[in-house]
Amino acid sequence: MSAATEFAPGLMVQRTPAPLLLSDYKLIAFDMDSTLITIECVDEIADATGKKAEVAAITEATMRGEITDFKESLRQRVALLQGVTEADMAQVRDERLQLSPGAQTLVQACQQAGLKVLLVSGGFTYFAEYVRGLLNIDFVRANMLAMDNGVLTGKLIEQPWGEICDGAEKRRTLLEVASLLGISPAQCIAVGDGSNDLPMMGAAGLSVAFHAKPRVRAEAQIAINQGGLDRLLEILR
């Protein structure tokens, strides 16, 4: 990170934001996969059809920003999920999905400080709604997998806001929820790890990279490179 200061081991700060009180913010927005949770759900679902390596390679290139068309990238990966059953997805949810270290602590601290919580994901509602329940999240936006008789069709379902939640939609959602709450973007925190999180991170008053790709670390105001999400509380009191 250019002109970055190591606030503590594995915790970098650049362009030190002000204020640094958690209660001065009103909304915190999280990416889901590899941010609020430890896995990339699309990769784990693909494991059920023996295509995890193929799908994971596309995911990694997309998150690094090497594949710039997120929508087309997601369509390619979802097409490879054709034939996955709802039972396969439930198995991923029950056996592989785990909250990231410190996620519950950070979310609860934000809620106690009066912040609303938004989960905005390029992943899937099947998992996002489950995470909503675990953490009592206020707002969720994610992609919806099409299913026929309990089997994925390899397609996505159009929702009122659109078909795919990409970087532009993440940013739009952050601004939409801020407007709904009657707050400014400067009162928002955005947390993510991949290049499709950069638009919402750029719109928020405070941007946080969590175990992120190099480009995301470089552009964020705070980068948590070691430890859990709750390390943000070392900076925001």
C-alpha atoms as a PDB file:
ATOM      1  CA  MET A   1       0.000   0.000   0.000  1.00  0.00           C
ATOM      2  CA  SER A   2       1.420   3.349  -0.972  1.00  0.00           C
ATOM      3  CA  ALA A   3       1.857   5.874   1.837  1.00  0.00           C
ATOM      4  CA  ALA A   4       0.443   3.317   4.238  1.00  0.00           C
ATOM      5  CA  THR A   5       1.046   3.141   7.962  1.00  0.00           C
ATOM      6  CA  GLU A   6       1.088  -0.124   9.878  1.00  0.00           C
ATOM      7  CA  PHE A   7      -1.313   0.699  12.679  1.00  0.00           C
ATOM      8  CA  ALA A   8      -0.610  -2.693  14.280  1.00  0.00           C
ATOM      9  CA  PRO A   9       0.821  -5.961  12.913  1.00  0.00           C
ATOM     10  CA  GLY A  10      -1.252  -6.936   9.889  1.00  0.00           C
ATOM     11  CA  LEU A  11      -3.433  -3.814  10.121  1.00  0.00           C
ATOM     12  CA  MET A  12      -2.640  -1.087   7.594  1.00  0.00           C
ATOM     13  CA  VAL A  13      -4.051   2.430   7.402  1.00  0.00           C
ATOM     14  CA  GLN A  14      -3.672   4.934   4.597  1.00  0.00           C
ATOM     15  CA  ARG A  15      -5.342   8.312   4.084  1.00  0.00           C
ATOM     16  CA  THR A  16      -6.372   8.126   7.741  1.00  0.00           C
ATOM     17  CA  PRO A  17     -10.116   8.765   7.797  1.00  0.00           C
ATOM     18  CA  ALA A  18     -11.889  10.985  10.261  1.00  0.00           C
ATOM     19  CA  PRO A  19     -13.924  10.550  12.377  1.00  0.00           C
ATOM     20  CA  LEU A  20     -12.704   7.337  13.935  1.00  0.00           C
ATOM     21  CA  LEU A  21     -15.670   6.675  16.182  1.00  0.00           C
ATOM     22  CA  LEU A  22     -17.855   3.725  15.206  1.00  0.00           C
ATOM     23  CA  SER A  23     -20.960   5.589  16.322  1.00  0.00           C
ATOM     24  CA  ASP A  24     -20.295   8.361  13.789  1.00  0.00           C
ATOM     25  CA  TYR A  25     -21.201   5.894  11.030  1.00  0.00           C
ATOM     26  CA  LYS A  26     -24.748   4.721  10.365  1.00  0.00           C
ATOM     27  CA  LEU A  27     -24.400   1.827   7.885  1.00  0.00           C
ATOM     28  CA  ILE A  28     -21.848  -0.917   7.327  1.00  0.00           C
ATOM     29  CA  ALA A  29     -21.943  -2.901   4.067  1.00  0.00           C
ATOM     30  CA  PHE A  30     -20.245  -6.271   3.741  1.00  0.00           C
ATOM     31  CA  ASP A  31     -19.369  -8.464   0.819  1.00  0.00           C
ATOM     32  CA  MET A  32     -20.209 -12.072   1.699  1.00  0.00           C
ATOM     33  CA  ASP A  33     -17.909 -14.659   0.105  1.00  0.00           C
ATOM     34  CA  SER A  34     -14.370 -14.593   1.570  1.00  0.00           C
ATOM     35  CA  THR A  35     -15.408 -11.569   3.664  1.00  0.00           C
ATOM     36  CA  LEU A  36     -18.309 -12.295   6.034  1.00  0.00           C
ATOM     37  CA  ILE A  37     -17.843 -16.022   5.397  1.00  0.00           C
ATOM     38  CA  THR A  38     -14.694 -18.033   4.767  1.00  0.00           C
ATOM     39  CA  ILE A  39     -15.683 -19.723   1.499  1.00  0.00           C
ATOM     40  CA  GLU A  40     -16.567 -18.824  -2.095  1.00  0.00           C
ATOM     41  CA  CYS A  41     -19.976 -20.499  -2.308  1.00  0.00           C
ATOM     42  CA  VAL A  42     -19.972 -20.838  -6.092  1.00  0.00           C
ATOM     43  CA  ASP A  43     -16.711 -22.799  -5.943  1.00  0.00           C
ATOM     44  CA  GLU A  44     -17.995 -25.116  -3.233  1.00  0.00           C
ATOM     45  CA  ILE A  45     -21.289 -25.790  -5.051  1.00  0.00           C
ATOM     46  CA  ALA A  46     -19.315 -26.663  -8.178  1.00  0.00           C
ATOM     47  CA  ASP A  47     -17.542 -29.351  -6.192  1.00  0.00           C
ATOM     48  CA  ALA A  48     -20.792 -31.348  -6.359  1.00  0.00           C
ATOM     49  CA  THR A  49     -20.418 -31.663 -10.140  1.00  0.00           C
ATOM     50  CA  GLY A  50     -16.660 -32.171 -10.142  1.00  0.00           C
ATOM     51  CA  LYS A  51     -16.066 -28.717 -11.615  1.00  0.00           C
ATOM     52  CA  LYS A  52     -14.655 -26.890  -8.588  1.00  0.00           C
ATOM     53  CA  ALA A  53     -11.197 -26.305 -10.085  1.00  0.00           C
ATOM     54  CA  GLU A  54     -12.667 -24.900 -13.315  1.00  0.00           C
ATOM     55  CA  VAL A  55     -15.078 -22.594 -11.497  1.00  0.00           C
ATOM     56  CA  ALA A  56     -12.525 -21.540  -8.851  1.00  0.00           C
ATOM     57  CA  ALA A  57     -10.060 -20.473 -11.551  1.00  0.00           C
ATOM     58  CA  ILE A  58     -12.689 -18.129 -13.037  1.00  0.00           C
ATOM     59  CA  THR A  59     -13.587 -16.818  -9.554  1.00  0.00           C
ATOM     60  CA  GLU A  60      -9.959 -16.087  -8.669  1.00  0.00           C
ATOM     61  CA  ALA A  61      -9.268 -14.280 -11.949  1.00  0.00           C
ATOM     62  CA  THR A  62     -12.439 -12.228 -11.492  1.00  0.00           C
ATOM     63  CA  MET A  63     -11.668 -11.228  -7.905  1.00  0.00           C
ATOM     64  CA  ARG A  64      -8.156 -10.196  -8.922  1.00  0.00           C
ATOM     65  CA  GLY A  65      -9.633  -8.006 -11.635  1.00  0.00           C
ATOM     66  CA  GLU A  66      -8.058 -10.021 -14.457  1.00  0.00           C
ATOM     67  CA  ILE A  67     -11.553 -10.815 -15.787  1.00  0.00           C
ATOM     68  CA  THR A  68     -13.287  -7.437 -15.845  1.00  0.00           C
ATOM     69  CA  ASP A  69     -16.790  -8.466 -16.930  1.00  0.00           C
ATOM     70  CA  PHE A  70     -18.206  -9.804 -13.665  1.00  0.00           C
ATOM     71  CA  LYS A  71     -21.629 -10.482 -15.149  1.00  0.00           C
ATOM     72  CA  GLU A  72     -20.304 -12.687 -17.931  1.00  0.00           C
ATOM     73  CA  SER A  73     -17.913 -14.378 -15.496  1.00  0.00           C
ATOM     74  CA  LEU A  74     -20.796 -15.214 -13.157  1.00  0.00           C
ATOM     75  CA  ARG A  75     -22.983 -16.481 -15.994  1.00  0.00           C
ATOM     76  CA  GLN A  76     -20.148 -18.809 -17.057  1.00  0.00           C
ATOM     77  CA  ARG A  77     -19.757 -20.157 -13.530  1.00  0.00           C
ATOM     78  CA  VAL A  78     -23.493 -20.543 -12.904  1.00  0.00           C
ATOM     79  CA  ALA A  79     -23.853 -22.448 -16.195  1.00  0.00           C
ATOM     80  CA  LEU A  80     -21.325 -24.961 -14.837  1.00  0.00           C
ATOM     81  CA  LEU A  81     -23.599 -25.523 -11.813  1.00  0.00           C
ATOM     82  CA  GLN A  82     -26.357 -27.070 -13.925  1.00  0.00           C
ATOM     83  CA  GLY A  83     -27.470 -30.323 -12.303  1.00  0.00           C
ATOM     84  CA  VAL A  84     -26.480 -29.407  -8.749  1.00  0.00           C
ATOM     85  CA  THR A  85     -29.298 -30.359  -6.387  1.00  0.00           C
ATOM     86  CA  GLU A  86     -30.794 -28.432  -3.506  1.00  0.00           C
ATOM     87  CA  ALA A  87     -29.461 -31.213  -1.262  1.00  0.00           C
ATOM     88  CA  ASP A  88     -25.945 -30.483  -2.557  1.00  0.00           C
ATOM     89  CA  MET A  89     -26.389 -26.795  -1.702  1.00  0.00           C
ATOM     90  CA  ALA A  90     -27.707 -27.642   1.757  1.00  0.00           C
ATOM     91  CA  GLN A  91     -24.640 -29.785   2.331  1.00  0.00           C
ATOM     92  CA  VAL A  92     -22.342 -26.868   1.411  1.00  0.00           C
ATOM     93  CA  ARG A  93     -24.315 -24.599   3.736  1.00  0.00           C
ATOM     94  CA  ASP A  94     -24.292 -27.028   6.663  1.00  0.00           C
ATOM     95  CA  GLU A  95     -20.787 -28.486   6.329  1.00  0.00           C
ATOM     96  CA  ARG A  96     -18.624 -25.806   4.712  1.00  0.00           C
ATOM     97  CA  LEU A  97     -20.106 -22.363   5.333  1.00  0.00           C
ATOM     98  CA  GLN A  98     -18.499 -20.681   8.333  1.00  0.00           C
ATOM     99  CA  LEU A  99     -18.521 -17.074   9.455  1.00  0.00           C
ATOM    100  CA  SER A 100     -15.147 -15.394   9.128  1.00  0.00           C
ATOM    101  CA  PRO A 101     -13.231 -14.932  12.387  1.00  0.00           C
ATOM    102  CA  GLY A 102     -14.440 -11.804  14.150  1.00  0.00           C
ATOM    103  CA  ALA A 103     -17.522 -11.387  11.927  1.00  0.00           C
ATOM    104  CA  GLN A 104     -20.043 -11.842  14.715  1.00  0.00           C
ATOM    105  CA  THR A 105     -18.073  -9.595  17.089  1.00  0.00           C
ATOM    106  CA  LEU A 106     -17.816  -6.779  14.529  1.00  0.00           C
ATOM    107  CA  VAL A 107     -21.438  -6.980  13.419  1.00  0.00           C
ATOM    108  CA  GLN A 108     -22.703  -6.984  17.011  1.00  0.00           C
ATOM    109  CA  ALA A 109     -20.473  -4.015  17.904  1.00  0.00           C
ATOM    110  CA  CYS A 110     -21.845  -2.109  14.902  1.00  0.00           C
ATOM    111  CA  GLN A 111     -25.420  -2.924  15.862  1.00  0.00           C
ATOM    112  CA  GLN A 112     -24.807  -1.823  19.449  1.00  0.00           C
ATOM    113  CA  ALA A 113     -23.376   1.459  18.125  1.00  0.00           C
ATOM    114  CA  GLY A 114     -26.583   2.027  16.134  1.00  0.00           C
ATOM    115  CA  LEU A 115     -25.398   1.045  12.665  1.00  0.00           C
ATOM    116  CA  LYS A 116     -27.598  -0.810  10.193  1.00  0.00           C
ATOM    117  CA  VAL A 117     -25.983  -3.761   8.414  1.00  0.00           C
ATOM    118  CA  LEU A 118     -26.105  -4.499   4.684  1.00  0.00           C
ATOM    119  CA  LEU A 119     -24.930  -7.719   3.047  1.00  0.00           C
ATOM    120  CA  VAL A 120     -24.430  -7.081  -0.677  1.00  0.00           C
ATOM    121  CA  SER A 121     -23.069 -10.026  -2.592  1.00  0.00           C
ATOM    122  CA  GLY A 122     -22.198 -11.291  -6.035  1.00  0.00           C
ATOM    123  CA  GLY A 123     -23.041 -14.677  -4.517  1.00  0.00           C
ATOM    124  CA  PHE A 124     -26.410 -16.251  -3.981  1.00  0.00           C
ATOM    125  CA  THR A 125     -29.537 -15.572  -1.940  1.00  0.00           C
ATOM    126  CA  TYR A 126     -29.636 -19.213  -0.783  1.00  0.00           C
ATOM    127  CA  PHE A 127     -26.566 -18.554   1.356  1.00  0.00           C
ATOM    128  CA  ALA A 128     -26.999 -14.816   1.923  1.00  0.00           C
ATOM    129  CA  GLU A 129     -30.385 -15.278   3.588  1.00  0.00           C
ATOM    130  CA  TYR A 130     -28.874 -17.941   5.848  1.00  0.00           C
ATOM    131  CA  VAL A 131     -26.090 -15.538   6.865  1.00  0.00           C
ATOM    132  CA  ARG A 132     -28.721 -12.837   7.425  1.00  0.00           C
ATOM    133  CA  GLY A 133     -30.320 -15.106  10.000  1.00  0.00           C
ATOM    134  CA  LEU A 134     -27.031 -15.880  11.725  1.00  0.00           C
ATOM    135  CA  LEU A 135     -26.110 -12.220  12.178  1.00  0.00           C
ATOM    136  CA  ASN A 136     -29.502 -10.462  12.254  1.00  0.00           C
ATOM    137  CA  ILE A 137     -28.583  -8.445   9.155  1.00  0.00           C
ATOM    138  CA  ASP A 138     -30.946  -5.644   8.102  1.00  0.00           C
ATOM    139  CA  PHE A 139     -30.603  -5.614   4.302  1.00  0.00           C
ATOM    140  CA  VAL A 140     -29.531  -8.267   1.784  1.00  0.00           C
ATOM    141  CA  ARG A 141     -28.943  -8.121  -1.950  1.00  0.00           C
ATOM    142  CA  ALA A 142     -27.586 -11.136  -3.836  1.00  0.00           C
ATOM    143  CA  ASN A 143     -28.175 -13.215  -6.950  1.00  0.00           C
ATOM    144  CA  MET A 144     -30.935 -15.829  -7.172  1.00  0.00           C
ATOM    145  CA  LEU A 145     -30.218 -19.228  -8.695  1.00  0.00           C
ATOM    146  CA  ALA A 146     -32.914 -20.705 -10.922  1.00  0.00           C
ATOM    147  CA  MET A 147     -34.072 -24.138  -9.838  1.00  0.00           C
ATOM    148  CA  ASP A 148     -36.412 -26.698 -11.425  1.00  0.00           C
ATOM    149  CA  ASN A 149     -37.698 -29.570  -9.275  1.00  0.00           C
ATOM    150  CA  GLY A 150     -34.870 -29.104  -6.784  1.00  0.00           C
ATOM    151  CA  VAL A 151     -32.118 -28.991  -9.413  1.00  0.00           C
ATOM    152  CA  LEU A 152     -30.140 -25.932 -10.593  1.00  0.00           C
ATOM    153  CA  THR A 153     -30.790 -25.014 -14.222  1.00  0.00           C
ATOM    154  CA  GLY A 154     -27.531 -23.120 -14.731  1.00  0.00           C
ATOM    155  CA  LYS A 155     -29.401 -19.801 -14.965  1.00  0.00           C
ATOM    156  CA  LEU A 156     -30.118 -16.817 -12.710  1.00  0.00           C
ATOM    157  CA  ILE A 157     -33.527 -15.321 -11.914  1.00  0.00           C
ATOM    158  CA  GLU A 158     -34.247 -11.695 -12.780  1.00  0.00           C
ATOM    159  CA  GLN A 159     -35.113  -9.704  -9.655  1.00  0.00           C
ATOM    160  CA  PRO A 160     -36.835  -6.275  -9.404  1.00  0.00           C
ATOM    161  CA  TRP A 161     -33.464  -4.505  -9.384  1.00  0.00           C
ATOM    162  CA  GLY A 162     -31.868  -6.652 -12.124  1.00  0.00           C
ATOM    163  CA  GLU A 163     -30.340 -10.051 -12.836  1.00  0.00           C
ATOM    164  CA  ILE A 164     -26.796  -9.832 -11.466  1.00  0.00           C
ATOM    165  CA  CYS A 165     -25.350  -8.017  -8.465  1.00  0.00           C
ATOM    166  CA  ASP A 166     -21.972  -6.892  -9.823  1.00  0.00           C
ATOM    167  CA  GLY A 167     -19.673  -4.088  -8.693  1.00  0.00           C
ATOM    168  CA  ALA A 168     -21.897  -1.342 -10.098  1.00  0.00           C
ATOM    169  CA  GLU A 169     -24.964  -2.853  -8.419  1.00  0.00           C
ATOM    170  CA  LYS A 170     -23.107  -3.137  -5.107  1.00  0.00           C
ATOM    171  CA  ARG A 171     -22.333   0.578  -5.273  1.00  0.00           C
ATOM    172  CA  ARG A 172     -25.900   1.421  -6.284  1.00  0.00           C
ATOM    173  CA  THR A 173     -27.275  -0.699  -3.437  1.00  0.00           C
ATOM    174  CA  LEU A 174     -25.060   1.016  -0.867  1.00  0.00           C
ATOM    175  CA  LEU A 175     -26.233   4.432  -2.068  1.00  0.00           C
ATOM    176  CA  GLU A 176     -29.865   3.276  -2.250  1.00  0.00           C
ATOM    177  CA  VAL A 177     -29.854   2.000   1.332  1.00  0.00           C
ATOM    178  CA  ALA A 178     -28.070   5.155   2.534  1.00  0.00           C
ATOM    179  CA  SER A 179     -30.780   7.237   0.862  1.00  0.00           C
ATOM    180  CA  LEU A 180     -33.467   5.043   2.420  1.00  0.00           C
ATOM    181  CA  LEU A 181     -31.920   5.654   5.842  1.00  0.00           C
ATOM    182  CA  GLY A 182     -31.556   9.381   5.211  1.00  0.00           C
ATOM    183  CA  ILE A 183     -27.777   9.347   5.621  1.00  0.00           C
ATOM    184  CA  SER A 184     -24.859  10.432   3.463  1.00  0.00           C
ATOM    185  CA  PRO A 185     -22.363   8.050   1.806  1.00  0.00           C
ATOM    186  CA  ALA A 186     -19.758   9.534   4.142  1.00  0.00           C
ATOM    187  CA  GLN A 187     -21.601   7.830   7.022  1.00  0.00           C
ATOM    188  CA  CYS A 188     -21.167   4.408   5.411  1.00  0.00           C
ATOM    189  CA  ILE A 189     -18.459   1.757   5.829  1.00  0.00           C
ATOM    190  CA  ALA A 190     -17.849  -0.786   3.039  1.00  0.00           C
ATOM    191  CA  VAL A 191     -15.911  -4.019   3.619  1.00  0.00           C
ATOM    192  CA  GLY A 192     -14.748  -6.360   0.857  1.00  0.00           C
ATOM    193  CA  ASP A 193     -11.954  -8.431  -0.627  1.00  0.00           C
ATOM    194  CA  GLY A 194     -12.336  -8.512  -4.418  1.00  0.00           C
ATOM    195  CA  SER A 195     -12.237  -6.085  -7.322  1.00  0.00           C
ATOM    196  CA  ASN A 196     -16.037  -6.097  -7.657  1.00  0.00           C
ATOM    197  CA  ASP A 197     -16.172  -4.543  -4.154  1.00  0.00           C
ATOM    198  CA  LEU A 198     -14.155  -1.490  -5.211  1.00  0.00           C
ATOM    199  CA  PRO A 199     -17.105   0.550  -6.564  1.00  0.00           C
ATOM    200  CA  MET A 200     -19.007   0.396  -3.256  1.00  0.00           C
ATOM    201  CA  MET A 201     -15.790   0.880  -1.286  1.00  0.00           C
ATOM    202  CA  GLY A 202     -15.087   4.004  -3.327  1.00  0.00           C
ATOM    203  CA  ALA A 203     -18.544   5.407  -2.608  1.00  0.00           C
ATOM    204  CA  ALA A 204     -18.399   4.847   1.162  1.00  0.00           C
ATOM    205  CA  GLY A 205     -16.922   7.185   3.713  1.00  0.00           C
ATOM    206  CA  LEU A 206     -14.653   4.407   4.965  1.00  0.00           C
ATOM    207  CA  SER A 207     -13.335   1.507   2.893  1.00  0.00           C
ATOM    208  CA  VAL A 208     -11.970  -1.665   4.489  1.00  0.00           C
ATOM    209  CA  ALA A 209     -10.114  -4.473   2.698  1.00  0.00           C
ATOM    210  CA  PHE A 210     -10.254  -7.848   4.436  1.00  0.00           C
ATOM    211  CA  HIS A 211      -7.584 -10.412   3.489  1.00  0.00           C
ATOM    212  CA  ALA A 212      -8.030  -8.861   0.070  1.00  0.00           C
ATOM    213  CA  LYS A 213      -6.531  -9.033  -3.394  1.00  0.00           C
ATOM    214  CA  PRO A 214      -3.527  -6.691  -3.891  1.00  0.00           C
ATOM    215  CA  ARG A 215      -5.458  -4.092  -5.906  1.00  0.00           C
ATOM    216  CA  VAL A 216      -8.171  -3.897  -3.249  1.00  0.00           C
ATOM    217  CA  ARG A 217      -5.638  -3.571  -0.425  1.00  0.00           C
ATOM    218  CA  ALA A 218      -3.951  -0.745  -2.310  1.00  0.00           C
ATOM    219  CA  GLU A 219      -7.146   1.254  -2.776  1.00  0.00           C
ATOM    220  CA  ALA A 220      -8.729   0.737   0.658  1.00  0.00           C
ATOM    221  CA  GLN A 221      -8.281   3.184   3.528  1.00  0.00           C
ATOM    222  CA  ILE A 222      -7.873   0.312   5.992  1.00  0.00           C
ATOM    223  CA  ALA A 223      -6.518  -3.156   5.175  1.00  0.00           C
ATOM    224  CA  ILE A 224      -6.894  -6.054   7.601  1.00  0.00           C
ATOM    225  CA  ASN A 225      -4.231  -8.478   6.383  1.00  0.00           C
ATOM    226  CA  GLN A 226      -3.985 -10.661   9.492  1.00  0.00           C
ATOM    227  CA  GLY A 227      -6.575 -11.742  12.049  1.00  0.00           C
ATOM    228  CA  GLY A 228     -10.328 -11.350  12.026  1.00  0.00           C
ATOM    229  CA  LEU A 229     -12.878  -8.760  10.931  1.00  0.00           C
ATOM    230  CA  ASP A 230     -13.131  -7.513  14.499  1.00  0.00           C
ATOM    231  CA  ARG A 231      -9.679  -5.954  14.104  1.00  0.00           C
ATOM    232  CA  LEU A 232     -11.520  -2.979  12.621  1.00  0.00           C
ATOM    233  CA  LEU A 233     -12.547  -2.245  16.197  1.00  0.00           C
ATOM    234  CA  GLU A 234      -8.900  -1.502  17.012  1.00  0.00           C
ATOM    235  CA  ILE A 235      -9.293   1.608  14.843  1.00  0.00           C
ATOM    236  CA  LEU A 236     -12.992   2.436  15.203  1.00  0.00           C
ATOM    237  CA  ARG A 237     -13.745   2.701  18.902  1.00  0.00           C
END
